[in-house]
Amino acid sequence: MLIESLRIQNFKSFRRASMKNLPRFCVVVGANGSGKSTLFDVFGFLKDCLTFNVKQALQARGGFREVLSRGVDETESIELEIKFRMDIAGVERLITYLIEIGLDNRQVVVRREVLRYKRGRYGSPYHFLDFVKGTGYAITNEEDFDKQDEQLEREQQNVGKEALAIKGLGQFERFKAASAFRQLIENWHVSDFHINLARGSKEAIGEFEHLSVSGDNLQLVARNIYENYPAIFSDIVNAMRHRVPGINHIEPILTQDGRLILNFQDNTFKDPFIDRYVSDGTIKMFAYLVLLYDPEPHPLLCIEEPENQLYPTLLWELAEEFRAYAERGGQVFVSSHSPDFLNAVRLNEVYWLVKKEGYTEIHRAQDESQLKAFMEEGDQMGYLWKEGFFPGADPQ
């Protein structure tokens, strides 16, 4: 999957904003309070809507009125639109997913939910899923692209007014687009990593297939990779040796009382250190590598300010790892304040946020002629960011 564009309307500080021609590795910069966390929360919000329902996802963020942009009338809708490429019935399609959320008699409802794409090179996109306030239809024979509209099989369905149709219909293989998109959203990873939760011994029983959002199951995931994917774990250790000087070996250890710890071997010392006594930067770098070398990688990663706790020289290395993950087929969104991290980033990979009159605008670095000229002359993105060459980005 590749998300190519994102349109946001009335979602917190984003009154009307869009991102187009998104690369696989995308870095977002902006002043504090400009909306970087809110941008990433768009993906977290959609995942919560699918995991629970729209009402619960809104309640977790303070309710509809708190999520609706300030100054906007309550009769308006929160709108999110994602355009992405993925395989449907053996054919790669540019698919559009649209959701509109509003109030109906003071109750949260999904006013409109649409999944559409073109069946051929020409013509208008066809709605393969279309619901209004919980009632609508989905096409069950999507693979029959050559059929006329009247030959496509529509199945009428009713879902809860505050539930996503792709949640219910996505459970069934006959609704191919809904099923595929549901699986993609379920596998998005919007990181909220906490060093203190990643440290220490852990119960050996728990979620071990993927690193959690907070990183609190790092030991379990490392143990799973160590035991079941030894070649991948070896790649992770080799990357740590290259990225973090002194680290020679890492091993998940099962203690006698049935708990898991991580042992880090430093070249200088004979005995290894348990993770409790290893630096924050080392733990964080290892956690990122465990995430990036996942045997079943996430289609989308969102990571905020990875530079925290990391030595500046490691940031170029980390950017390379993110880009390598993207080049293997994933998509990575990163927010950053660090000039050192930005120095490793290319012109087409950077977007910046500007807050104007309370609302956030999104700008693409590639569209700024002065930035483009500086980069062509050999300047680095981090230097340009630090020196204030991103119009409107500096705090006012």
Protein backbone atom coordinates (compact mmCIF):
# COMPACT_ATOMS: atom_id res chain seq x y z
CA MET A 1 0.00 0.00 0.00
CA LEU A 2 1.09 3.55 -0.71
CA ILE A 3 -0.89 6.54 0.58
CA GLU A 4 -0.63 9.13 -2.19
CA SER A 5 -2.70 11.94 -0.72
CA LEU A 6 -4.51 12.98 2.43
CA ARG A 7 -7.27 15.57 2.81
CA ILE A 8 -8.40 16.80 6.24
CA GLN A 9 -11.33 19.07 7.01
CA ASN A 10 -12.50 20.29 10.43
CA PHE A 11 -10.23 17.93 12.39
CA LYS A 12 -8.82 19.92 15.34
CA SER A 13 -6.39 22.54 13.98
CA PHE A 14 -6.85 21.37 10.38
CA ARG A 15 -9.72 23.45 9.04
CA ARG A 16 -8.90 22.61 5.43
CA ALA A 17 -5.57 20.98 4.61
CA SER A 18 -4.16 18.43 2.23
CA MET A 19 -0.97 16.55 1.40
CA LYS A 20 -0.39 15.40 -2.18
CA ASN A 21 2.24 13.28 -3.95
CA LEU A 22 3.26 11.68 -0.68
CA PRO A 23 6.56 9.76 -0.80
CA ARG A 24 7.14 6.48 0.98
CA PHE A 25 9.38 8.24 3.50
CA CYS A 26 7.79 11.49 4.66
CA VAL A 27 9.21 13.88 7.27
CA VAL A 28 7.02 16.57 8.83
CA VAL A 29 8.51 19.59 10.60
CA GLY A 30 6.96 22.56 12.33
CA ALA A 31 7.05 24.68 15.47
CA ASN A 32 5.63 23.41 18.75
CA GLY A 33 1.84 23.54 18.57
CA SER A 34 1.74 23.69 14.79
CA GLY A 35 -0.16 20.40 14.48
CA LYS A 36 2.40 17.61 13.96
CA SER A 37 0.86 15.37 16.63
CA THR A 38 -2.63 16.17 15.31
CA LEU A 39 -1.59 15.15 11.80
CA PHE A 40 -0.42 11.76 13.03
CA ASP A 41 -3.56 11.43 15.14
CA VAL A 42 -5.59 11.34 11.92
CA PHE A 43 -4.19 7.85 11.36
CA GLY A 44 -4.63 6.91 15.02
CA PHE A 45 -8.21 8.19 14.94
CA LEU A 46 -9.11 6.08 11.90
CA LYS A 47 -7.58 3.01 13.52
CA ASP A 48 -9.54 3.66 16.73
CA CYS A 49 -12.74 4.10 14.71
CA LEU A 50 -12.16 0.67 13.22
CA THR A 51 -11.02 -1.02 16.42
CA PHE A 52 -13.91 0.39 18.50
CA ASN A 53 -16.39 2.76 16.86
CA VAL A 54 -16.51 6.42 15.87
CA LYS A 55 -18.16 7.57 19.11
CA GLN A 56 -15.53 5.92 21.29
CA ALA A 57 -12.70 7.23 19.11
CA LEU A 58 -14.08 10.75 19.55
CA GLN A 59 -14.65 10.31 23.29
CA ALA A 60 -11.01 9.32 23.72
CA ARG A 61 -10.17 12.75 22.28
CA GLY A 62 -12.66 14.75 24.34
CA GLY A 63 -15.78 14.28 22.21
CA PHE A 64 -17.03 15.57 18.86
CA ARG A 65 -16.93 19.25 19.85
CA GLU A 66 -13.30 18.99 20.97
CA VAL A 67 -12.22 17.31 17.74
CA LEU A 68 -14.23 19.64 15.48
CA SER A 69 -12.10 22.63 14.52
CA ARG A 70 -12.50 25.69 16.73
CA GLY A 71 -14.94 28.27 15.42
CA VAL A 72 -16.72 25.76 13.16
CA ASP A 73 -20.48 25.37 13.45
CA GLU A 74 -21.59 22.05 14.97
CA THR A 75 -23.71 21.33 11.91
CA GLU A 76 -20.56 20.82 9.83
CA SER A 77 -18.78 17.50 9.38
CA ILE A 78 -15.33 16.22 10.16
CA GLU A 79 -14.06 14.91 6.81
CA LEU A 80 -11.08 12.67 6.14
CA GLU A 81 -10.12 11.45 2.67
CA ILE A 82 -7.26 9.12 1.85
CA LYS A 83 -6.13 8.14 -1.62
CA PHE A 84 -3.92 5.08 -1.75
CA ARG A 85 -2.72 2.37 -4.10
CA MET A 86 -3.23 -1.29 -3.38
CA ASP A 87 -3.98 -4.59 -5.09
CA ILE A 88 -7.66 -5.45 -5.52
CA ALA A 89 -8.52 -8.77 -7.20
CA GLY A 90 -5.09 -8.90 -8.83
CA VAL A 91 -5.18 -5.34 -10.18
CA GLU A 92 -3.42 -2.34 -8.62
CA ARG A 93 -5.93 0.45 -8.09
CA LEU A 94 -5.86 4.06 -6.91
CA ILE A 95 -8.55 3.91 -4.23
CA THR A 96 -10.25 6.76 -2.42
CA TYR A 97 -11.68 6.33 1.07
CA LEU A 98 -13.90 9.13 2.39
CA ILE A 99 -15.55 9.46 5.78
CA GLU A 100 -17.76 12.29 7.02
CA ILE A 101 -18.67 12.42 10.71
CA GLY A 102 -21.22 14.75 12.25
CA LEU A 103 -24.07 15.11 14.72
CA ASP A 104 -27.66 13.98 14.18
CA ASN A 105 -30.03 14.96 17.00
CA ARG A 106 -26.92 15.59 19.10
CA GLN A 107 -25.70 12.03 18.50
CA VAL A 108 -22.50 11.15 16.63
CA VAL A 109 -23.16 9.53 13.25
CA VAL A 110 -21.15 8.57 10.18
CA ARG A 111 -22.89 10.84 7.71
CA ARG A 112 -21.15 9.35 4.67
CA GLU A 113 -18.62 6.60 4.04
CA VAL A 114 -17.39 5.85 0.53
CA LEU A 115 -14.79 3.55 -0.97
CA ARG A 116 -14.32 4.16 -4.70
CA TYR A 117 -11.91 3.48 -7.55
CA LYS A 118 -11.87 3.29 -11.32
CA ARG A 119 -12.54 -0.01 -13.01
CA GLY A 120 -10.60 1.04 -16.09
CA ARG A 121 -8.18 3.66 -17.33
CA TYR A 122 -10.97 6.10 -18.19
CA GLY A 123 -14.23 7.20 -16.67
CA SER A 124 -15.27 8.33 -13.23
CA PRO A 125 -14.42 6.38 -10.09
CA TYR A 126 -17.07 3.82 -9.19
CA HIS A 127 -18.45 3.53 -5.65
CA PHE A 128 -17.82 -0.02 -4.47
CA LEU A 129 -19.01 0.87 -0.98
CA ASP A 130 -21.39 3.72 -0.22
CA PHE A 131 -23.15 4.27 3.12
CA VAL A 132 -25.17 7.12 4.59
CA LYS A 133 -25.90 7.06 8.33
CA GLY A 134 -25.44 3.31 8.60
CA THR A 135 -27.40 2.27 5.50
CA GLY A 136 -25.95 1.54 2.08
CA TYR A 137 -24.51 -1.04 -0.27
CA ALA A 138 -21.27 -2.77 -1.21
CA ILE A 139 -20.33 -4.53 -4.45
CA THR A 140 -19.65 -8.26 -4.06
CA ASN A 141 -18.21 -9.09 -7.53
CA GLU A 142 -15.47 -6.44 -7.77
CA GLU A 143 -13.27 -8.71 -9.84
CA ASP A 144 -15.74 -8.44 -12.75
CA PHE A 145 -14.40 -5.06 -13.87
CA ASP A 146 -15.57 -5.51 -17.44
CA LYS A 147 -19.25 -5.80 -16.54
CA GLN A 148 -21.72 -3.00 -17.01
CA ASP A 149 -22.94 -1.13 -13.94
CA GLU A 150 -26.26 -2.96 -13.92
CA GLN A 151 -24.43 -6.32 -13.85
CA LEU A 152 -22.46 -5.53 -10.71
CA GLU A 153 -23.95 -7.17 -7.66
CA ARG A 154 -24.92 -4.76 -4.90
CA GLU A 155 -25.63 -6.09 -1.46
CA GLN A 156 -27.66 -3.79 0.78
CA GLN A 157 -26.50 -3.66 4.38
CA ASN A 158 -27.26 -1.86 7.63
CA VAL A 159 -24.58 -1.06 10.18
CA GLY A 160 -24.68 1.06 13.30
CA LYS A 161 -24.81 4.82 12.65
CA GLU A 162 -21.61 5.28 14.68
CA ALA A 163 -19.77 2.30 13.17
CA LEU A 164 -17.64 2.10 10.03
CA ALA A 165 -19.08 -0.03 7.26
CA ILE A 166 -15.58 -1.30 6.46
CA LYS A 167 -15.42 -2.71 10.00
CA GLY A 168 -18.42 -4.99 9.54
CA LEU A 169 -18.16 -5.72 5.83
CA GLY A 170 -14.38 -6.02 5.97
CA GLN A 171 -14.78 -9.31 7.81
CA PHE A 172 -16.12 -10.93 4.64
CA GLU A 173 -13.95 -11.88 1.68
CA ARG A 174 -16.70 -11.12 -0.84
CA PHE A 175 -16.28 -7.40 -0.09
CA LYS A 176 -12.73 -7.29 -1.39
CA ALA A 177 -11.97 -3.58 -1.19
CA ALA A 178 -13.47 -3.21 2.29
CA SER A 179 -11.69 -6.33 3.50
CA ALA A 180 -8.31 -5.25 2.13
CA PHE A 181 -8.59 -1.70 3.50
CA ARG A 182 -9.69 -2.93 6.93
CA GLN A 183 -6.65 -5.20 7.15
CA LEU A 184 -4.38 -2.32 6.21
CA ILE A 185 -5.78 0.04 8.86
CA GLU A 186 -5.59 -2.67 11.52
CA ASN A 187 -1.88 -3.02 10.80
CA TRP A 188 -0.99 0.69 10.96
CA HIS A 189 1.49 1.52 13.73
CA VAL A 190 1.24 4.99 15.28
CA SER A 191 4.07 5.00 17.81
CA ASP A 192 3.85 6.48 21.30
CA PHE A 193 7.10 4.96 22.55
CA HIS A 194 8.04 5.33 26.24
CA ILE A 195 11.53 4.42 27.41
CA ASN A 196 10.40 3.67 30.97
CA LEU A 197 7.81 1.16 29.72
CA ALA A 198 10.29 -0.58 27.45
CA ARG A 199 12.80 -1.25 30.24
CA GLY A 200 12.95 -3.99 32.85
CA SER A 201 11.88 -7.59 33.13
CA LYS A 202 8.54 -8.58 31.65
CA GLU A 203 6.11 -11.44 32.00
CA ALA A 204 6.96 -14.01 29.33
CA ILE A 205 3.29 -14.26 28.30
CA GLY A 206 1.69 -11.52 26.23
CA GLU A 207 1.56 -9.93 22.77
CA PHE A 208 4.78 -10.93 21.02
CA GLU A 209 4.17 -10.68 17.28
CA HIS A 210 4.54 -6.89 16.91
CA LEU A 211 6.01 -4.11 19.01
CA SER A 212 3.23 -2.31 20.87
CA VAL A 213 2.54 1.39 20.44
CA SER A 214 4.27 2.18 23.75
CA GLY A 215 7.07 -0.42 23.35
CA ASP A 216 6.18 -2.14 26.63
CA ASN A 217 6.50 -5.61 25.07
CA LEU A 218 9.97 -5.08 23.58
CA GLN A 219 11.43 -8.11 25.38
CA LEU A 220 8.66 -10.43 24.16
CA VAL A 221 8.94 -9.32 20.54
CA ALA A 222 12.73 -9.56 20.63
CA ARG A 223 12.46 -13.08 22.07
CA ASN A 224 10.02 -14.12 19.32
CA ILE A 225 12.34 -12.87 16.58
CA TYR A 226 15.39 -14.38 18.33
CA GLU A 227 13.78 -17.84 18.50
CA ASN A 228 11.73 -17.98 15.30
CA TYR A 229 13.57 -15.66 12.91
CA PRO A 230 17.26 -15.99 13.86
CA ALA A 231 18.51 -14.50 10.58
CA ILE A 232 16.41 -11.37 11.13
CA PHE A 233 17.56 -11.07 14.73
CA SER A 234 21.14 -11.34 13.48
CA ASP A 235 20.42 -8.45 11.08
CA ILE A 236 19.09 -6.38 14.02
CA VAL A 237 22.21 -7.08 16.10
CA ASN A 238 24.49 -6.27 13.15
CA ALA A 239 22.63 -2.99 12.64
CA MET A 240 23.06 -2.19 16.34
CA ARG A 241 26.80 -2.90 16.09
CA HIS A 242 27.02 -0.49 13.19
CA ARG A 243 24.75 2.19 14.65
CA VAL A 244 25.76 2.09 18.35
CA PRO A 245 29.51 1.86 18.98
CA GLY A 246 30.49 -0.70 21.61
CA ILE A 247 27.45 -2.99 21.32
CA ASN A 248 28.63 -6.47 20.40
CA HIS A 249 25.72 -8.78 21.18
CA ILE A 250 22.12 -8.70 22.40
CA GLU A 251 20.15 -11.62 23.76
CA PRO A 252 16.69 -12.00 25.31
CA ILE A 253 17.02 -14.09 28.48
CA LEU A 254 14.30 -16.08 30.27
CA THR A 255 14.91 -15.87 34.01
CA GLN A 256 14.27 -18.67 36.49
CA ASP A 257 11.07 -17.01 37.68
CA GLY A 258 9.67 -16.98 34.15
CA ARG A 259 10.34 -13.37 33.19
CA LEU A 260 12.14 -11.92 30.20
CA ILE A 261 15.04 -9.46 30.22
CA LEU A 262 17.40 -8.17 27.54
CA ASN A 263 21.15 -8.60 27.89
CA PHE A 264 23.44 -6.15 26.09
CA GLN A 265 27.08 -7.11 25.65
CA ASP A 266 29.58 -4.26 25.47
CA ASN A 267 32.98 -4.93 23.87
CA THR A 268 34.74 -3.32 26.82
CA PHE A 269 33.34 -5.63 29.50
CA LYS A 270 33.19 -9.36 30.01
CA ASP A 271 29.75 -9.48 31.64
CA PRO A 272 26.65 -8.18 29.82
CA PHE A 273 24.37 -5.43 31.09
CA ILE A 274 20.65 -5.98 31.58
CA ASP A 275 18.48 -3.40 29.85
CA ARG A 276 17.76 -1.58 33.12
CA TYR A 277 21.33 -0.26 33.09
CA VAL A 278 21.63 0.50 29.39
CA SER A 279 21.34 4.08 28.10
CA ASP A 280 18.02 5.48 26.89
CA GLY A 281 19.47 5.96 23.42
CA THR A 282 20.58 2.32 23.16
CA ILE A 283 17.17 1.01 24.23
CA LYS A 284 15.38 3.35 21.83
CA MET A 285 17.60 2.47 18.88
CA PHE A 286 17.11 -1.25 19.54
CA ALA A 287 13.33 -0.77 19.78
CA TYR A 288 13.26 1.09 16.46
CA LEU A 289 15.27 -1.67 14.79
CA VAL A 290 12.94 -4.33 16.20
CA LEU A 291 10.06 -2.35 14.71
CA LEU A 292 11.78 -1.77 11.36
CA TYR A 293 12.93 -5.39 10.96
CA ASP A 294 9.55 -6.89 11.89
CA PRO A 295 9.14 -10.22 10.02
CA GLU A 296 5.61 -9.09 9.07
CA PRO A 297 6.14 -5.34 8.64
CA HIS A 298 3.45 -2.73 9.10
CA PRO A 299 2.24 -1.03 5.90
CA LEU A 300 2.38 2.34 7.69
CA LEU A 301 4.56 3.66 10.52
CA CYS A 302 4.05 7.03 12.22
CA ILE A 303 6.85 8.06 14.58
CA GLU A 304 7.08 11.34 16.47
CA GLU A 305 10.42 13.02 17.21
CA PRO A 306 12.72 9.97 17.06
CA GLU A 307 15.69 12.23 17.90
CA ASN A 308 14.80 12.31 21.61
CA GLN A 309 17.42 10.40 23.68
CA LEU A 310 19.56 9.74 20.59
CA TYR A 311 23.04 11.13 20.00
CA PRO A 312 23.04 13.50 16.98
CA THR A 313 25.38 11.34 14.90
CA LEU A 314 22.91 8.43 15.18
CA LEU A 315 20.14 10.40 13.54
CA TRP A 316 21.56 10.12 10.03
CA GLU A 317 21.83 6.37 10.59
CA LEU A 318 18.24 6.20 11.82
CA ALA A 319 16.97 8.14 8.81
CA GLU A 320 18.71 5.61 6.59
CA GLU A 321 16.93 2.78 8.41
CA PHE A 322 13.53 4.49 7.98
CA ARG A 323 14.19 5.02 4.28
CA ALA A 324 15.31 1.40 3.83
CA TYR A 325 12.06 0.24 5.45
CA ALA A 326 10.10 2.42 3.03
CA GLU A 327 12.07 1.11 0.05
CA ARG A 328 11.18 -2.45 1.09
CA GLY A 329 7.52 -1.55 0.55
CA GLY A 330 6.32 0.17 3.72
CA GLN A 331 5.49 3.82 4.28
CA VAL A 332 6.97 5.93 7.08
CA PHE A 333 5.82 9.27 8.48
CA VAL A 334 8.21 10.96 10.90
CA SER A 335 7.94 14.28 12.72
CA SER A 336 11.12 16.01 13.85
CA HIS A 337 12.66 19.19 15.24
CA SER A 338 16.23 18.03 14.70
CA PRO A 339 18.48 19.69 12.08
CA ASP A 340 20.77 16.64 12.34
CA PHE A 341 17.92 14.32 11.35
CA LEU A 342 16.80 16.67 8.58
CA ASN A 343 20.31 16.72 7.12
CA ALA A 344 19.72 13.10 6.09
CA VAL A 345 16.43 13.92 4.35
CA ARG A 346 15.78 14.68 0.69
CA LEU A 347 13.83 17.63 -0.68
CA ASN A 348 10.85 15.57 -1.88
CA GLU A 349 10.51 13.90 1.52
CA VAL A 350 9.80 17.04 3.59
CA TYR A 351 6.58 18.86 4.46
CA TRP A 352 6.25 21.65 6.99
CA LEU A 353 3.35 22.99 9.03
CA VAL A 354 2.41 26.63 9.56
CA LYS A 355 -0.19 27.88 12.03
CA LYS A 356 -2.16 30.88 10.71
CA GLU A 357 -5.09 32.45 12.54
CA GLY A 358 -5.50 29.29 14.62
CA TYR A 359 -5.52 26.80 11.73
CA THR A 360 -2.73 24.64 10.33
CA GLU A 361 -1.49 24.80 6.75
CA ILE A 362 0.67 22.09 5.14
CA HIS A 363 3.46 23.03 2.73
CA ARG A 364 5.69 20.81 0.63
CA ALA A 365 9.40 21.65 0.52
CA GLN A 366 9.65 20.63 -3.12
CA ASP A 367 7.18 23.37 -4.05
CA GLU A 368 9.30 26.13 -2.47
CA SER A 369 11.59 27.44 -5.22
CA GLN A 370 14.13 28.96 -2.83
CA LEU A 371 14.54 25.73 -0.86
CA LYS A 372 14.86 23.80 -4.10
CA ALA A 373 17.57 26.17 -5.35
CA PHE A 374 19.53 25.92 -2.10
CA MET A 375 19.39 22.12 -2.15
CA GLU A 376 20.53 22.00 -5.77
CA GLU A 377 23.55 24.08 -4.74
CA GLY A 378 24.50 21.50 -2.12
CA ASP A 379 22.92 22.88 1.05
CA GLN A 380 21.44 20.45 3.58
CA MET A 381 17.84 20.45 4.72
CA GLY A 382 18.70 20.68 8.42
CA TYR A 383 20.83 23.79 7.91
CA LEU A 384 18.03 25.46 5.95
CA TRP A 385 15.53 24.57 8.67
CA LYS A 386 17.76 25.89 11.45
CA GLU A 387 18.44 29.15 9.61
CA GLY A 388 14.74 29.86 9.06
CA PHE A 389 14.38 29.30 5.31
CA PHE A 390 10.98 27.58 5.73
CA PRO A 391 8.50 30.45 5.27
CA GLY A 392 6.16 30.88 8.24
CA ALA A 393 7.56 27.94 10.19
CA ASP A 394 9.22 29.90 12.97
CA PRO A 395 7.11 30.46 16.12
CA GLN A 396 5.52 33.89 16.17
